[in-house]
PDB file of all heavy atoms in Angstrom:
ATOM      1  N   ALA A   1      -3.198  -8.942  -0.678  1.00  0.00           N
ATOM      2  CA  ALA A   1      -2.662  -7.745  -0.034  1.00  0.00           C
ATOM      3  C   ALA A   1      -3.822  -6.907   0.504  1.00  0.00           C
ATOM      4  O   ALA A   1      -4.916  -6.895  -0.057  1.00  0.00           O
ATOM      5  CB  ALA A   1      -1.834  -6.938  -1.017  1.00  0.00           C
ATOM      6  N   LYS A   2      -3.554  -6.196   1.593  1.00  0.00           N
ATOM      7  CA  LYS A   2      -4.573  -5.337   2.203  1.00  0.00           C
ATOM      8  C   LYS A   2      -4.010  -3.923   2.318  1.00  0.00           C
ATOM      9  O   LYS A   2      -2.998  -3.707   2.979  1.00  0.00           O
ATOM     10  CB  LYS A   2      -4.970  -5.872   3.573  1.00  0.00           C
ATOM     11  CG  LYS A   2      -5.646  -7.237   3.517  1.00  0.00           C
ATOM     12  CD  LYS A   2      -6.029  -7.727   4.905  1.00  0.00           C
ATOM     13  CE  LYS A   2      -6.710  -9.095   4.820  1.00  0.00           C
ATOM     14  NZ  LYS A   2      -7.072  -9.609   6.183  1.00  0.00           N
ATOM     15  N   ILE A   3      -4.679  -2.994   1.662  1.00  0.00           N
ATOM     16  CA  ILE A   3      -4.244  -1.602   1.631  1.00  0.00           C
ATOM     17  C   ILE A   3      -5.263  -0.773   2.411  1.00  0.00           C
ATOM     18  O   ILE A   3      -6.474  -0.872   2.172  1.00  0.00           O
ATOM     19  CB  ILE A   3      -4.141  -1.070   0.187  1.00  0.00           C
ATOM     20  CG1 ILE A   3      -3.348  -2.048  -0.697  1.00  0.00           C
ATOM     21  CG2 ILE A   3      -3.524   0.320   0.186  1.00  0.00           C
ATOM     22  CD1 ILE A   3      -1.920  -2.264  -0.277  1.00  0.00           C
ATOM     23  N   GLY A   4      -4.778   0.050   3.327  1.00  0.00           N
ATOM     24  CA  GLY A   4      -5.661   0.831   4.175  1.00  0.00           C
ATOM     25  C   GLY A   4      -6.278   2.021   3.452  1.00  0.00           C
ATOM     26  O   GLY A   4      -6.325   2.080   2.223  1.00  0.00           O
ATOM     27  N   GLU A   5      -6.724   2.988   4.228  1.00  0.00           N
ATOM     28  CA  GLU A   5      -7.428   4.146   3.701  1.00  0.00           C
ATOM     29  C   GLU A   5      -6.477   5.331   3.517  1.00  0.00           C
ATOM     30  O   GLU A   5      -5.549   5.517   4.293  1.00  0.00           O
ATOM     31  CB  GLU A   5      -8.574   4.511   4.643  1.00  0.00           C
ATOM     32  CG  GLU A   5      -9.598   3.382   4.734  1.00  0.00           C
ATOM     33  CD  GLU A   5     -10.642   3.592   5.801  1.00  0.00           C
ATOM     34  OE1 GLU A   5     -10.446   4.467   6.676  1.00  0.00           O
ATOM     35  OE2 GLU A   5     -11.668   2.887   5.771  1.00  0.00           O
ATOM     36  N   HIS A   6      -6.725   6.095   2.444  1.00  0.00           N
ATOM     37  CA  HIS A   6      -5.936   7.296   2.144  1.00  0.00           C
ATOM     38  C   HIS A   6      -4.448   6.983   1.995  1.00  0.00           C
ATOM     39  O   HIS A   6      -3.576   7.703   2.476  1.00  0.00           O
ATOM     40  CB  HIS A   6      -6.173   8.361   3.211  1.00  0.00           C
ATOM     41  CG  HIS A   6      -7.630   8.714   3.363  1.00  0.00           C
ATOM     42  ND1 HIS A   6      -8.282   9.540   2.487  1.00  0.00           N
ATOM     43  CD2 HIS A   6      -8.553   8.300   4.263  1.00  0.00           C
ATOM     44  CE1 HIS A   6      -9.556   9.649   2.848  1.00  0.00           C
ATOM     45  NE2 HIS A   6      -9.745   8.894   3.912  1.00  0.00           N
ATOM     46  N   VAL A   7      -4.173   5.895   1.316  1.00  0.00           N
ATOM     47  CA  VAL A   7      -2.805   5.442   1.045  1.00  0.00           C
ATOM     48  C   VAL A   7      -2.394   5.916  -0.347  1.00  0.00           C
ATOM     49  O   VAL A   7      -3.223   6.007  -1.265  1.00  0.00           O
ATOM     50  CB  VAL A   7      -2.713   3.908   1.145  1.00  0.00           C
ATOM     51  CG1 VAL A   7      -1.348   3.396   0.704  1.00  0.00           C
ATOM     52  CG2 VAL A   7      -3.035   3.450   2.566  1.00  0.00           C
ATOM     53  N   ILE A   8      -1.107   6.191  -0.523  1.00  0.00           N
ATOM     54  CA  ILE A   8      -0.546   6.471  -1.838  1.00  0.00           C
ATOM     55  C   ILE A   8       0.333   5.289  -2.243  1.00  0.00           C
ATOM     56  O   ILE A   8       1.328   4.999  -1.570  1.00  0.00           O
ATOM     57  CB  ILE A   8       0.299   7.759  -1.844  1.00  0.00           C
ATOM     58  CG1 ILE A   8      -0.552   8.970  -1.450  1.00  0.00           C
ATOM     59  CG2 ILE A   8       0.942   7.980  -3.216  1.00  0.00           C
ATOM     60  CD1 ILE A   8       0.270  10.208  -1.176  1.00  0.00           C
ATOM     61  N   ILE A   9      -0.052   4.609  -3.303  1.00  0.00           N
ATOM     62  CA  ILE A   9       0.776   3.559  -3.895  1.00  0.00           C
ATOM     63  C   ILE A   9       1.340   4.178  -5.173  1.00  0.00           C
ATOM     64  O   ILE A   9       0.657   4.271  -6.196  1.00  0.00           O
ATOM     65  CB  ILE A   9      -0.034   2.286  -4.191  1.00  0.00           C
ATOM     66  CG1 ILE A   9      -0.753   1.783  -2.941  1.00  0.00           C
ATOM     67  CG2 ILE A   9       0.874   1.213  -4.781  1.00  0.00           C
ATOM     68  CD1 ILE A   9       0.169   1.358  -1.819  1.00  0.00           C
ATOM     69  N   ASN A  10       2.580   4.611  -5.117  1.00  0.00           N
ATOM     70  CA  ASN A  10       3.105   5.475  -6.158  1.00  0.00           C
ATOM     71  C   ASN A  10       3.618   4.684  -7.368  1.00  0.00           C
ATOM     72  O   ASN A  10       3.621   3.454  -7.387  1.00  0.00           O
ATOM     73  CB  ASN A  10       4.193   6.382  -5.580  1.00  0.00           C
ATOM     74  CG  ASN A  10       4.110   7.799  -6.119  1.00  0.00           C
ATOM     75  OD1 ASN A  10       3.902   8.001  -7.307  1.00  0.00           O
ATOM     76  ND2 ASN A  10       4.281   8.776  -5.241  1.00  0.00           N
ATOM     77  N   THR A  11       4.080   5.419  -8.360  1.00  0.00           N
ATOM     78  CA  THR A  11       4.417   4.895  -9.677  1.00  0.00           C
ATOM     79  C   THR A  11       5.383   3.706  -9.618  1.00  0.00           C
ATOM     80  O   THR A  11       6.439   3.783  -9.001  1.00  0.00           O
ATOM     81  CB  THR A  11       5.056   6.010 -10.519  1.00  0.00           C
ATOM     82  OG1 THR A  11       4.224   7.166 -10.473  1.00  0.00           O
ATOM     83  CG2 THR A  11       5.241   5.577 -11.956  1.00  0.00           C
ATOM     84  N   SER A  12       4.976   2.606 -10.240  1.00  0.00           N
ATOM     85  CA  SER A  12       5.823   1.405 -10.409  1.00  0.00           C
ATOM     86  C   SER A  12       6.238   0.760  -9.093  1.00  0.00           C
ATOM     87  O   SER A  12       7.205  -0.007  -9.048  1.00  0.00           O
ATOM     88  CB  SER A  12       7.071   1.731 -11.237  1.00  0.00           C
ATOM     89  OG  SER A  12       6.704   2.166 -12.534  1.00  0.00           O
ATOM     90  N   SER A  13       5.529   1.046  -8.014  1.00  0.00           N
ATOM     91  CA  SER A  13       5.811   0.347  -6.753  1.00  0.00           C
ATOM     92  C   SER A  13       5.128  -1.024  -6.772  1.00  0.00           C
ATOM     93  O   SER A  13       4.190  -1.260  -7.537  1.00  0.00           O
ATOM     94  CB  SER A  13       5.347   1.172  -5.558  1.00  0.00           C
ATOM     95  OG  SER A  13       3.965   1.467  -5.658  1.00  0.00           O
ATOM     96  N   ILE A  14       5.622  -1.926  -5.913  1.00  0.00           N
ATOM     97  CA  ILE A  14       5.118  -3.298  -5.892  1.00  0.00           C
ATOM     98  C   ILE A  14       4.742  -3.667  -4.460  1.00  0.00           C
ATOM     99  O   ILE A  14       5.559  -3.540  -3.540  1.00  0.00           O
ATOM    100  CB  ILE A  14       6.159  -4.292  -6.435  1.00  0.00           C
ATOM    101  CG1 ILE A  14       6.482  -3.971  -7.897  1.00  0.00           C
ATOM    102  CG2 ILE A  14       5.656  -5.734  -6.298  1.00  0.00           C
ATOM    103  CD1 ILE A  14       7.617  -4.811  -8.464  1.00  0.00           C
ATOM    104  N   ILE A  15       3.522  -4.137  -4.295  1.00  0.00           N
ATOM    105  CA  ILE A  15       3.037  -4.655  -3.010  1.00  0.00           C
ATOM    106  C   ILE A  15       2.779  -6.138  -3.217  1.00  0.00           C
ATOM    107  O   ILE A  15       1.842  -6.532  -3.921  1.00  0.00           O
ATOM    108  CB  ILE A  15       1.740  -3.948  -2.559  1.00  0.00           C
ATOM    109  CG1 ILE A  15       1.850  -2.426  -2.732  1.00  0.00           C
ATOM    110  CG2 ILE A  15       1.400  -4.350  -1.132  1.00  0.00           C
ATOM    111  CD1 ILE A  15       2.911  -1.771  -1.908  1.00  0.00           C
ATOM    112  N   GLU A  16       3.607  -6.974  -2.617  1.00  0.00           N
ATOM    113  CA  GLU A  16       3.512  -8.407  -2.884  1.00  0.00           C
ATOM    114  C   GLU A  16       2.416  -9.072  -2.038  1.00  0.00           C
ATOM    115  O   GLU A  16       1.761  -8.437  -1.208  1.00  0.00           O
ATOM    116  CB  GLU A  16       4.868  -9.069  -2.646  1.00  0.00           C
ATOM    117  CG  GLU A  16       5.799  -9.001  -3.854  1.00  0.00           C
ATOM    118  CD  GLU A  16       5.297  -9.815  -5.039  1.00  0.00           C
ATOM    119  OE1 GLU A  16       4.336 -10.615  -4.880  1.00  0.00           O
ATOM    120  OE2 GLU A  16       5.850  -9.652  -6.135  1.00  0.00           O
ATOM    121  N   HIS A  17       2.251 -10.372  -2.272  1.00  0.00           N
ATOM    122  CA  HIS A  17       1.166 -11.138  -1.663  1.00  0.00           C
ATOM    123  C   HIS A  17       1.151 -11.024  -0.138  1.00  0.00           C
ATOM    124  O   HIS A  17       2.190 -11.006   0.523  1.00  0.00           O
ATOM    125  CB  HIS A  17       1.278 -12.618  -2.061  1.00  0.00           C
ATOM    126  CG  HIS A  17       2.520 -13.274  -1.512  1.00  0.00           C
ATOM    127  ND1 HIS A  17       2.581 -13.862  -0.268  1.00  0.00           N
ATOM    128  CD2 HIS A  17       3.764 -13.412  -2.043  1.00  0.00           C
ATOM    129  CE1 HIS A  17       3.786 -14.343  -0.051  1.00  0.00           C
ATOM    130  NE2 HIS A  17       4.531 -14.082  -1.113  1.00  0.00           N
ATOM    131  N   ASP A  18      -0.040 -10.912   0.407  1.00  0.00           N
ATOM    132  CA  ASP A  18      -0.285 -10.934   1.855  1.00  0.00           C
ATOM    133  C   ASP A  18       0.331  -9.762   2.612  1.00  0.00           C
ATOM    134  O   ASP A  18       0.374  -9.772   3.841  1.00  0.00           O
ATOM    135  CB  ASP A  18       0.195 -12.255   2.478  1.00  0.00           C
ATOM    136  CG  ASP A  18      -0.504 -13.457   1.867  1.00  0.00           C
ATOM    137  OD1 ASP A  18      -1.732 -13.558   2.038  1.00  0.00           O
ATOM    138  OD2 ASP A  18       0.172 -14.273   1.209  1.00  0.00           O
ATOM    139  N   ALA A  19       0.808  -8.762   1.905  1.00  0.00           N
ATOM    140  CA  ALA A  19       1.315  -7.567   2.584  1.00  0.00           C
ATOM    141  C   ALA A  19       0.134  -6.782   3.161  1.00  0.00           C
ATOM    142  O   ALA A  19      -0.977  -6.807   2.632  1.00  0.00           O
ATOM    143  CB  ALA A  19       2.104  -6.695   1.620  1.00  0.00           C
ATOM    144  N   VAL A  20       0.406  -6.075   4.262  1.00  0.00           N
ATOM    145  CA  VAL A  20      -0.608  -5.244   4.905  1.00  0.00           C
ATOM    146  C   VAL A  20      -0.055  -3.824   5.004  1.00  0.00           C
ATOM    147  O   VAL A  20       1.010  -3.607   5.589  1.00  0.00           O
ATOM    148  CB  VAL A  20      -0.972  -5.769   6.307  1.00  0.00           C
ATOM    149  CG1 VAL A  20      -1.980  -4.837   6.981  1.00  0.00           C
ATOM    150  CG2 VAL A  20      -1.530  -7.182   6.218  1.00  0.00           C
ATOM    151  N   VAL A  21      -0.765  -2.884   4.425  1.00  0.00           N
ATOM    152  CA  VAL A  21      -0.331  -1.489   4.399  1.00  0.00           C
ATOM    153  C   VAL A  21      -1.383  -0.668   5.129  1.00  0.00           C
ATOM    154  O   VAL A  21      -2.552  -0.634   4.737  1.00  0.00           O
ATOM    155  CB  VAL A  21      -0.171  -0.986   2.947  1.00  0.00           C
ATOM    156  CG1 VAL A  21       0.232   0.485   2.934  1.00  0.00           C
ATOM    157  CG2 VAL A  21       0.865  -1.837   2.210  1.00  0.00           C
ATOM    158  N   GLY A  22      -0.978   0.002   6.215  1.00  0.00           N
ATOM    159  CA  GLY A  22      -1.921   0.754   7.027  1.00  0.00           C
ATOM    160  C   GLY A  22      -2.358   2.050   6.375  1.00  0.00           C
ATOM    161  O   GLY A  22      -1.833   2.484   5.341  1.00  0.00           O
ATOM    162  N   SER A  23      -3.323   2.698   6.986  1.00  0.00           N
ATOM    163  CA  SER A  23      -3.854   3.953   6.471  1.00  0.00           C
ATOM    164  C   SER A  23      -2.798   5.061   6.517  1.00  0.00           C
ATOM    165  O   SER A  23      -1.902   5.050   7.364  1.00  0.00           O
ATOM    166  CB  SER A  23      -5.072   4.374   7.276  1.00  0.00           C
ATOM    167  OG  SER A  23      -6.118   3.425   7.130  1.00  0.00           O
ATOM    168  N   TYR A  24      -2.914   5.998   5.575  1.00  0.00           N
ATOM    169  CA  TYR A  24      -2.060   7.186   5.469  1.00  0.00           C
ATOM    170  C   TYR A  24      -0.597   6.865   5.154  1.00  0.00           C
ATOM    171  O   TYR A  24       0.285   7.699   5.338  1.00  0.00           O
ATOM    172  CB  TYR A  24      -2.145   8.048   6.740  1.00  0.00           C
ATOM    173  CG  TYR A  24      -3.547   8.358   7.144  1.00  0.00           C
ATOM    174  CD1 TYR A  24      -4.116   7.778   8.267  1.00  0.00           C
ATOM    175  CD2 TYR A  24      -4.341   9.205   6.372  1.00  0.00           C
ATOM    176  CE1 TYR A  24      -5.426   8.045   8.629  1.00  0.00           C
ATOM    177  CE2 TYR A  24      -5.656   9.476   6.726  1.00  0.00           C
ATOM    178  CZ  TYR A  24      -6.191   8.895   7.860  1.00  0.00           C
ATOM    179  OH  TYR A  24      -7.497   9.153   8.217  1.00  0.00           O
ATOM    180  N   VAL A  25      -0.330   5.673   4.656  1.00  0.00           N
ATOM    181  CA  VAL A  25       1.021   5.299   4.236  1.00  0.00           C
ATOM    182  C   VAL A  25       1.277   5.865   2.841  1.00  0.00           C
ATOM    183  O   VAL A  25       0.366   6.029   2.031  1.00  0.00           O
ATOM    184  CB  VAL A  25       1.174   3.761   4.247  1.00  0.00           C
ATOM    185  CG1 VAL A  25       2.425   3.305   3.496  1.00  0.00           C
ATOM    186  CG2 VAL A  25       1.195   3.247   5.686  1.00  0.00           C
ATOM    187  N   HIS A  26       2.555   6.145   2.550  1.00  0.00           N
ATOM    188  CA  HIS A  26       2.986   6.501   1.197  1.00  0.00           C
ATOM    189  C   HIS A  26       4.091   5.527   0.795  1.00  0.00           C
ATOM    190  O   HIS A  26       5.145   5.486   1.424  1.00  0.00           O
ATOM    191  CB  HIS A  26       3.511   7.944   1.169  1.00  0.00           C
ATOM    192  CG  HIS A  26       3.872   8.423  -0.208  1.00  0.00           C
ATOM    193  ND1 HIS A  26       4.124   9.743  -0.478  1.00  0.00           N
ATOM    194  CD2 HIS A  26       4.042   7.772  -1.396  1.00  0.00           C
ATOM    195  CE1 HIS A  26       4.415   9.895  -1.759  1.00  0.00           C
ATOM    196  NE2 HIS A  26       4.384   8.705  -2.334  1.00  0.00           N
ATOM    197  N   VAL A  27       3.823   4.738  -0.240  1.00  0.00           N
ATOM    198  CA  VAL A  27       4.827   3.855  -0.828  1.00  0.00           C
ATOM    199  C   VAL A  27       5.328   4.552  -2.091  1.00  0.00           C
ATOM    200  O   VAL A  27       4.606   4.671  -3.074  1.00  0.00           O
ATOM    201  CB  VAL A  27       4.241   2.470  -1.146  1.00  0.00           C
ATOM    202  CG1 VAL A  27       5.330   1.558  -1.723  1.00  0.00           C
ATOM    203  CG2 VAL A  27       3.631   1.833   0.103  1.00  0.00           C
TER     204      VAL A  27
END
């Protein structure tokens, strides 16, 4: 998985294999 800059990956969230999350995202 690739997580960008200034991202919030919040409590008990799941980012599975090969996912791409851009900068300034909130999950």
